Amino acid sequence: MSRALLKFTRVSPTKARLIAREVQGMNAELALASLEFMPNKAARIISKVIASAVANGDFEPEEVVITSCRVDKAAVMKRFRPRARGTASRILKPTAHILVEVAKAEEA
């Protein structure tokens, strides 16, 4: 089993969890192929983390299964936008931690 962790990536954890649930339990090669054609920003980020997890264990994508793909909430960047009459409104820019674990197909 091998894993990869990407911390403080600028993607909303709620949106990234939708993609993470799609690939969990899939073969890594099939997951990478399906993520390539998804239009989401999170899909590109998660595919890079999956490729990193496969490379960390010196595996080939055909022989491993994604056992866990977890997206956790990280720090939120707070920004302000000027509004009418000298006021300001707050803009929240969420970040996320993405953890992917892969294991050999026989082990999973």
N, C-alpha and C. Protein backbone atom coordinates (compact mmCIF):
# COMPACT_ATOMS: atom_id res chain seq x y z
N MET A 1 0.84 -1.18 0.00
CA MET A 1 0.00 0.00 0.00
C MET A 1 0.88 1.24 0.00
N SER A 2 0.47 2.21 -0.77
CA SER A 2 1.18 3.48 -0.79
C SER A 2 0.16 4.62 -0.78
N ARG A 3 0.64 5.81 -0.42
CA ARG A 3 -0.27 6.94 -0.31
C ARG A 3 0.40 8.22 -0.77
N ALA A 4 -0.44 9.21 -1.08
CA ALA A 4 0.04 10.54 -1.44
C ALA A 4 -0.89 11.55 -0.80
N LEU A 5 -0.31 12.65 -0.33
CA LEU A 5 -1.07 13.68 0.36
C LEU A 5 -0.73 15.03 -0.25
N LEU A 6 -1.75 15.76 -0.66
CA LEU A 6 -1.58 17.11 -1.19
C LEU A 6 -2.27 18.05 -0.22
N LYS A 7 -1.51 18.99 0.32
CA LYS A 7 -2.06 19.87 1.35
C LYS A 7 -2.26 21.29 0.82
N PHE A 8 -3.27 21.95 1.35
CA PHE A 8 -3.57 23.35 1.08
C PHE A 8 -3.75 23.65 -0.41
N THR A 9 -4.47 22.80 -1.11
CA THR A 9 -4.75 23.06 -2.52
C THR A 9 -5.99 23.95 -2.62
N ARG A 10 -5.97 24.86 -3.59
CA ARG A 10 -7.03 25.85 -3.70
C ARG A 10 -8.24 25.30 -4.46
N VAL A 11 -8.96 24.41 -3.81
CA VAL A 11 -10.19 23.86 -4.36
C VAL A 11 -11.15 23.66 -3.19
N SER A 12 -12.42 23.86 -3.44
CA SER A 12 -13.41 23.70 -2.38
C SER A 12 -13.52 22.23 -2.00
N PRO A 13 -13.46 21.91 -0.71
CA PRO A 13 -13.54 20.50 -0.31
C PRO A 13 -14.87 19.85 -0.67
N THR A 14 -15.95 20.63 -0.65
CA THR A 14 -17.26 20.07 -1.00
C THR A 14 -17.28 19.63 -2.46
N LYS A 15 -16.71 20.44 -3.33
CA LYS A 15 -16.70 20.10 -4.76
C LYS A 15 -15.72 18.96 -5.04
N ALA A 16 -14.62 18.92 -4.31
CA ALA A 16 -13.63 17.87 -4.53
C ALA A 16 -14.13 16.52 -4.03
N ARG A 17 -14.96 16.53 -2.97
CA ARG A 17 -15.48 15.26 -2.43
C ARG A 17 -16.39 14.56 -3.44
N LEU A 18 -17.09 15.32 -4.27
CA LEU A 18 -17.94 14.71 -5.30
C LEU A 18 -17.10 13.87 -6.27
N ILE A 19 -15.93 14.38 -6.63
CA ILE A 19 -15.04 13.66 -7.54
C ILE A 19 -14.37 12.49 -6.81
N ALA A 20 -14.00 12.70 -5.54
CA ALA A 20 -13.32 11.65 -4.78
C ALA A 20 -14.21 10.43 -4.59
N ARG A 21 -15.50 10.65 -4.40
CA ARG A 21 -16.43 9.52 -4.24
C ARG A 21 -16.57 8.71 -5.52
N GLU A 22 -16.42 9.39 -6.67
CA GLU A 22 -16.53 8.69 -7.96
C GLU A 22 -15.41 7.67 -8.16
N VAL A 23 -14.18 8.03 -7.75
CA VAL A 23 -13.03 7.18 -8.07
C VAL A 23 -12.69 6.17 -6.97
N GLN A 24 -13.29 6.30 -5.80
CA GLN A 24 -12.95 5.40 -4.70
C GLN A 24 -13.34 3.96 -5.05
N GLY A 25 -12.40 3.05 -4.88
CA GLY A 25 -12.64 1.65 -5.18
C GLY A 25 -12.37 1.26 -6.62
N MET A 26 -12.03 2.23 -7.46
CA MET A 26 -11.76 1.96 -8.88
C MET A 26 -10.33 1.48 -9.08
N ASN A 27 -10.10 0.85 -10.22
CA ASN A 27 -8.75 0.56 -10.68
C ASN A 27 -8.09 1.91 -11.00
N ALA A 28 -6.82 2.06 -10.68
CA ALA A 28 -6.14 3.36 -10.85
C ALA A 28 -6.09 3.79 -12.32
N GLU A 29 -5.87 2.85 -13.21
CA GLU A 29 -5.80 3.18 -14.64
C GLU A 29 -7.15 3.68 -15.14
N LEU A 30 -8.22 3.01 -14.74
CA LEU A 30 -9.57 3.42 -15.13
C LEU A 30 -9.94 4.77 -14.52
N ALA A 31 -9.52 5.00 -13.28
CA ALA A 31 -9.81 6.27 -12.61
C ALA A 31 -9.10 7.42 -13.30
N LEU A 32 -7.83 7.22 -13.65
CA LEU A 32 -7.09 8.28 -14.34
C LEU A 32 -7.69 8.59 -15.70
N ALA A 33 -8.17 7.56 -16.40
CA ALA A 33 -8.79 7.77 -17.72
C ALA A 33 -10.11 8.52 -17.60
N SER A 34 -10.90 8.20 -16.58
CA SER A 34 -12.19 8.87 -16.44
C SER A 34 -12.02 10.31 -15.94
N LEU A 35 -11.03 10.55 -15.08
CA LEU A 35 -10.80 11.90 -14.57
C LEU A 35 -10.28 12.85 -15.65
N GLU A 36 -9.63 12.28 -16.66
CA GLU A 36 -9.08 13.10 -17.74
C GLU A 36 -10.18 13.84 -18.50
N PHE A 37 -11.37 13.26 -18.57
CA PHE A 37 -12.45 13.85 -19.36
C PHE A 37 -13.50 14.57 -18.51
N MET A 38 -13.26 14.70 -17.21
CA MET A 38 -14.17 15.47 -16.36
C MET A 38 -13.80 16.94 -16.44
N PRO A 39 -14.79 17.83 -16.51
CA PRO A 39 -14.49 19.25 -16.69
C PRO A 39 -14.12 19.99 -15.40
N ASN A 40 -14.11 19.32 -14.25
CA ASN A 40 -13.91 19.99 -12.98
C ASN A 40 -12.43 20.26 -12.70
N LYS A 41 -12.17 21.33 -11.96
CA LYS A 41 -10.81 21.64 -11.53
C LYS A 41 -10.31 20.56 -10.58
N ALA A 42 -11.20 20.08 -9.71
CA ALA A 42 -10.83 19.06 -8.73
C ALA A 42 -10.43 17.76 -9.41
N ALA A 43 -10.99 17.45 -10.55
CA ALA A 43 -10.66 16.21 -11.25
C ALA A 43 -9.20 16.20 -11.69
N ARG A 44 -8.70 17.33 -12.18
CA ARG A 44 -7.30 17.40 -12.59
C ARG A 44 -6.38 17.26 -11.38
N ILE A 45 -6.75 17.89 -10.28
CA ILE A 45 -5.92 17.83 -9.08
C ILE A 45 -5.88 16.42 -8.51
N ILE A 46 -7.04 15.77 -8.41
CA ILE A 46 -7.11 14.43 -7.84
C ILE A 46 -6.38 13.42 -8.73
N SER A 47 -6.42 13.60 -10.05
CA SER A 47 -5.71 12.68 -10.93
C SER A 47 -4.20 12.77 -10.72
N LYS A 48 -3.69 13.97 -10.43
CA LYS A 48 -2.26 14.10 -10.16
C LYS A 48 -1.88 13.44 -8.84
N VAL A 49 -2.77 13.51 -7.85
CA VAL A 49 -2.49 12.88 -6.56
C VAL A 49 -2.54 11.35 -6.70
N ILE A 50 -3.47 10.84 -7.51
CA ILE A 50 -3.53 9.39 -7.76
C ILE A 50 -2.26 8.92 -8.45
N ALA A 51 -1.81 9.66 -9.45
CA ALA A 51 -0.58 9.30 -10.16
C ALA A 51 0.61 9.32 -9.22
N SER A 52 0.63 10.26 -8.29
CA SER A 52 1.71 10.34 -7.32
C SER A 52 1.69 9.16 -6.36
N ALA A 53 0.50 8.77 -5.91
CA ALA A 53 0.37 7.63 -5.00
C ALA A 53 0.83 6.33 -5.68
N VAL A 54 0.50 6.18 -6.95
CA VAL A 54 0.93 4.99 -7.71
C VAL A 54 2.45 4.99 -7.84
N ALA A 55 3.03 6.15 -8.14
CA ALA A 55 4.48 6.25 -8.30
C ALA A 55 5.22 6.06 -6.98
N ASN A 56 4.61 6.50 -5.87
CA ASN A 56 5.25 6.35 -4.57
C ASN A 56 5.46 4.88 -4.18
N GLY A 57 4.58 4.01 -4.66
CA GLY A 57 4.71 2.59 -4.34
C GLY A 57 5.42 1.79 -5.41
N ASP A 58 5.96 2.45 -6.44
CA ASP A 58 6.61 1.79 -7.57
C ASP A 58 5.69 0.77 -8.23
N PHE A 59 4.42 1.15 -8.40
CA PHE A 59 3.43 0.28 -9.04
C PHE A 59 3.17 0.75 -10.45
N GLU A 60 2.46 -0.06 -11.20
CA GLU A 60 1.89 0.34 -12.48
C GLU A 60 0.41 0.62 -12.24
N PRO A 61 -0.20 1.57 -12.96
CA PRO A 61 -1.61 1.90 -12.71
C PRO A 61 -2.57 0.73 -12.93
N GLU A 62 -2.20 -0.23 -13.77
CA GLU A 62 -3.09 -1.36 -14.06
C GLU A 62 -3.23 -2.31 -12.87
N GLU A 63 -2.21 -2.36 -12.01
CA GLU A 63 -2.18 -3.38 -10.98
C GLU A 63 -2.67 -2.91 -9.61
N VAL A 64 -3.10 -1.64 -9.48
CA VAL A 64 -3.52 -1.15 -8.17
C VAL A 64 -4.96 -0.66 -8.18
N VAL A 65 -5.55 -0.65 -6.99
CA VAL A 65 -6.91 -0.18 -6.77
C VAL A 65 -6.85 0.97 -5.77
N ILE A 66 -7.69 1.97 -5.97
CA ILE A 66 -7.75 3.10 -5.04
C ILE A 66 -8.58 2.67 -3.84
N THR A 67 -7.91 2.44 -2.71
CA THR A 67 -8.63 1.98 -1.52
C THR A 67 -9.28 3.13 -0.78
N SER A 68 -8.64 4.30 -0.79
CA SER A 68 -9.18 5.45 -0.07
C SER A 68 -8.84 6.73 -0.80
N CYS A 69 -9.82 7.58 -0.96
CA CYS A 69 -9.62 8.91 -1.54
C CYS A 69 -10.39 9.88 -0.65
N ARG A 70 -9.66 10.61 0.17
CA ARG A 70 -10.29 11.45 1.19
C ARG A 70 -9.96 12.91 0.96
N VAL A 71 -10.96 13.78 1.13
CA VAL A 71 -10.76 15.22 0.99
C VAL A 71 -11.17 15.86 2.31
N ASP A 72 -10.21 16.50 2.97
CA ASP A 72 -10.46 17.16 4.25
C ASP A 72 -10.41 18.67 4.08
N LYS A 73 -11.13 19.36 4.95
CA LYS A 73 -11.15 20.81 4.93
C LYS A 73 -9.84 21.35 5.51
N ALA A 74 -9.29 22.38 4.87
CA ALA A 74 -8.07 23.01 5.37
C ALA A 74 -8.40 24.46 5.73
N ALA A 75 -7.39 25.27 5.86
CA ALA A 75 -7.59 26.68 6.23
C ALA A 75 -8.37 27.42 5.15
N VAL A 76 -9.09 28.45 5.57
CA VAL A 76 -9.86 29.26 4.63
C VAL A 76 -9.20 30.63 4.52
N MET A 77 -8.86 31.01 3.28
CA MET A 77 -8.30 32.35 3.07
C MET A 77 -9.43 33.35 3.06
N LYS A 78 -9.27 34.42 3.82
CA LYS A 78 -10.32 35.44 3.91
C LYS A 78 -9.86 36.68 3.16
N ARG A 79 -10.68 37.11 2.23
CA ARG A 79 -10.39 38.31 1.44
C ARG A 79 -11.58 39.25 1.55
N PHE A 80 -11.37 40.51 1.19
CA PHE A 80 -12.45 41.50 1.25
C PHE A 80 -12.62 42.16 -0.10
N ARG A 81 -13.89 42.45 -0.44
CA ARG A 81 -14.22 43.15 -1.67
C ARG A 81 -14.89 44.46 -1.30
N PRO A 82 -14.41 45.58 -1.83
CA PRO A 82 -15.05 46.86 -1.53
C PRO A 82 -16.46 46.92 -2.09
N ARG A 83 -17.37 47.49 -1.30
CA ARG A 83 -18.75 47.62 -1.71
C ARG A 83 -19.18 49.09 -1.61
N ALA A 84 -20.43 49.32 -1.80
CA ALA A 84 -20.95 50.68 -1.84
C ALA A 84 -20.85 51.35 -0.47
N ARG A 85 -20.72 52.66 -0.48
CA ARG A 85 -20.73 53.53 0.70
C ARG A 85 -19.64 53.18 1.70
N GLY A 86 -18.48 52.79 1.21
CA GLY A 86 -17.33 52.57 2.06
C GLY A 86 -17.34 51.29 2.86
N THR A 87 -18.24 50.38 2.56
CA THR A 87 -18.28 49.12 3.28
C THR A 87 -17.49 48.06 2.51
N ALA A 88 -17.41 46.87 3.10
CA ALA A 88 -16.71 45.77 2.44
C ALA A 88 -17.47 44.48 2.74
N SER A 89 -17.39 43.54 1.81
CA SER A 89 -17.98 42.22 2.05
C SER A 89 -16.86 41.19 2.03
N ARG A 90 -17.04 40.14 2.79
CA ARG A 90 -16.01 39.13 2.94
C ARG A 90 -16.12 38.07 1.86
N ILE A 91 -14.98 37.64 1.34
CA ILE A 91 -14.91 36.55 0.38
C ILE A 91 -14.11 35.43 1.04
N LEU A 92 -14.65 34.23 1.07
CA LEU A 92 -13.99 33.07 1.65
C LEU A 92 -13.44 32.19 0.53
N LYS A 93 -12.15 31.92 0.57
CA LYS A 93 -11.52 31.07 -0.43
C LYS A 93 -11.05 29.79 0.26
N PRO A 94 -11.84 28.72 0.16
CA PRO A 94 -11.50 27.49 0.89
C PRO A 94 -10.34 26.74 0.26
N THR A 95 -9.62 26.00 1.10
CA THR A 95 -8.56 25.12 0.64
C THR A 95 -8.83 23.72 1.18
N ALA A 96 -8.14 22.72 0.64
CA ALA A 96 -8.41 21.34 1.01
C ALA A 96 -7.13 20.53 1.07
N HIS A 97 -7.17 19.45 1.88
CA HIS A 97 -6.12 18.44 1.92
C HIS A 97 -6.68 17.20 1.21
N ILE A 98 -5.94 16.65 0.25
CA ILE A 98 -6.40 15.47 -0.50
C ILE A 98 -5.45 14.31 -0.21
N LEU A 99 -6.01 13.20 0.29
CA LEU A 99 -5.23 12.00 0.62
C LEU A 99 -5.73 10.84 -0.23
N VAL A 100 -4.81 10.19 -0.94
CA VAL A 100 -5.16 9.03 -1.77
C VAL A 100 -4.30 7.86 -1.35
N GLU A 101 -4.93 6.72 -1.11
CA GLU A 101 -4.22 5.48 -0.78
C GLU A 101 -4.53 4.43 -1.84
N VAL A 102 -3.51 3.79 -2.34
CA VAL A 102 -3.69 2.72 -3.32
C VAL A 102 -3.05 1.44 -2.79
N ALA A 103 -3.60 0.30 -3.22
CA ALA A 103 -3.05 -0.99 -2.82
C ALA A 103 -3.14 -1.95 -4.01
N LYS A 104 -2.35 -3.00 -3.95
CA LYS A 104 -2.39 -4.03 -5.00
C LYS A 104 -3.80 -4.58 -5.10
N ALA A 105 -4.20 -5.01 -6.28
CA ALA A 105 -5.56 -5.50 -6.50
C ALA A 105 -5.87 -6.73 -5.67
N GLU A 106 -4.89 -7.61 -5.43
CA GLU A 106 -5.13 -8.82 -4.63
C GLU A 106 -5.35 -8.48 -3.16
N GLU A 107 -4.62 -7.46 -2.65
CA GLU A 107 -4.71 -7.09 -1.25
C GLU A 107 -6.05 -6.44 -0.92
N ALA A 108 -6.56 -5.67 -1.87
CA ALA A 108 -7.80 -4.92 -1.62
C ALA A 108 -9.00 -5.81 -1.72
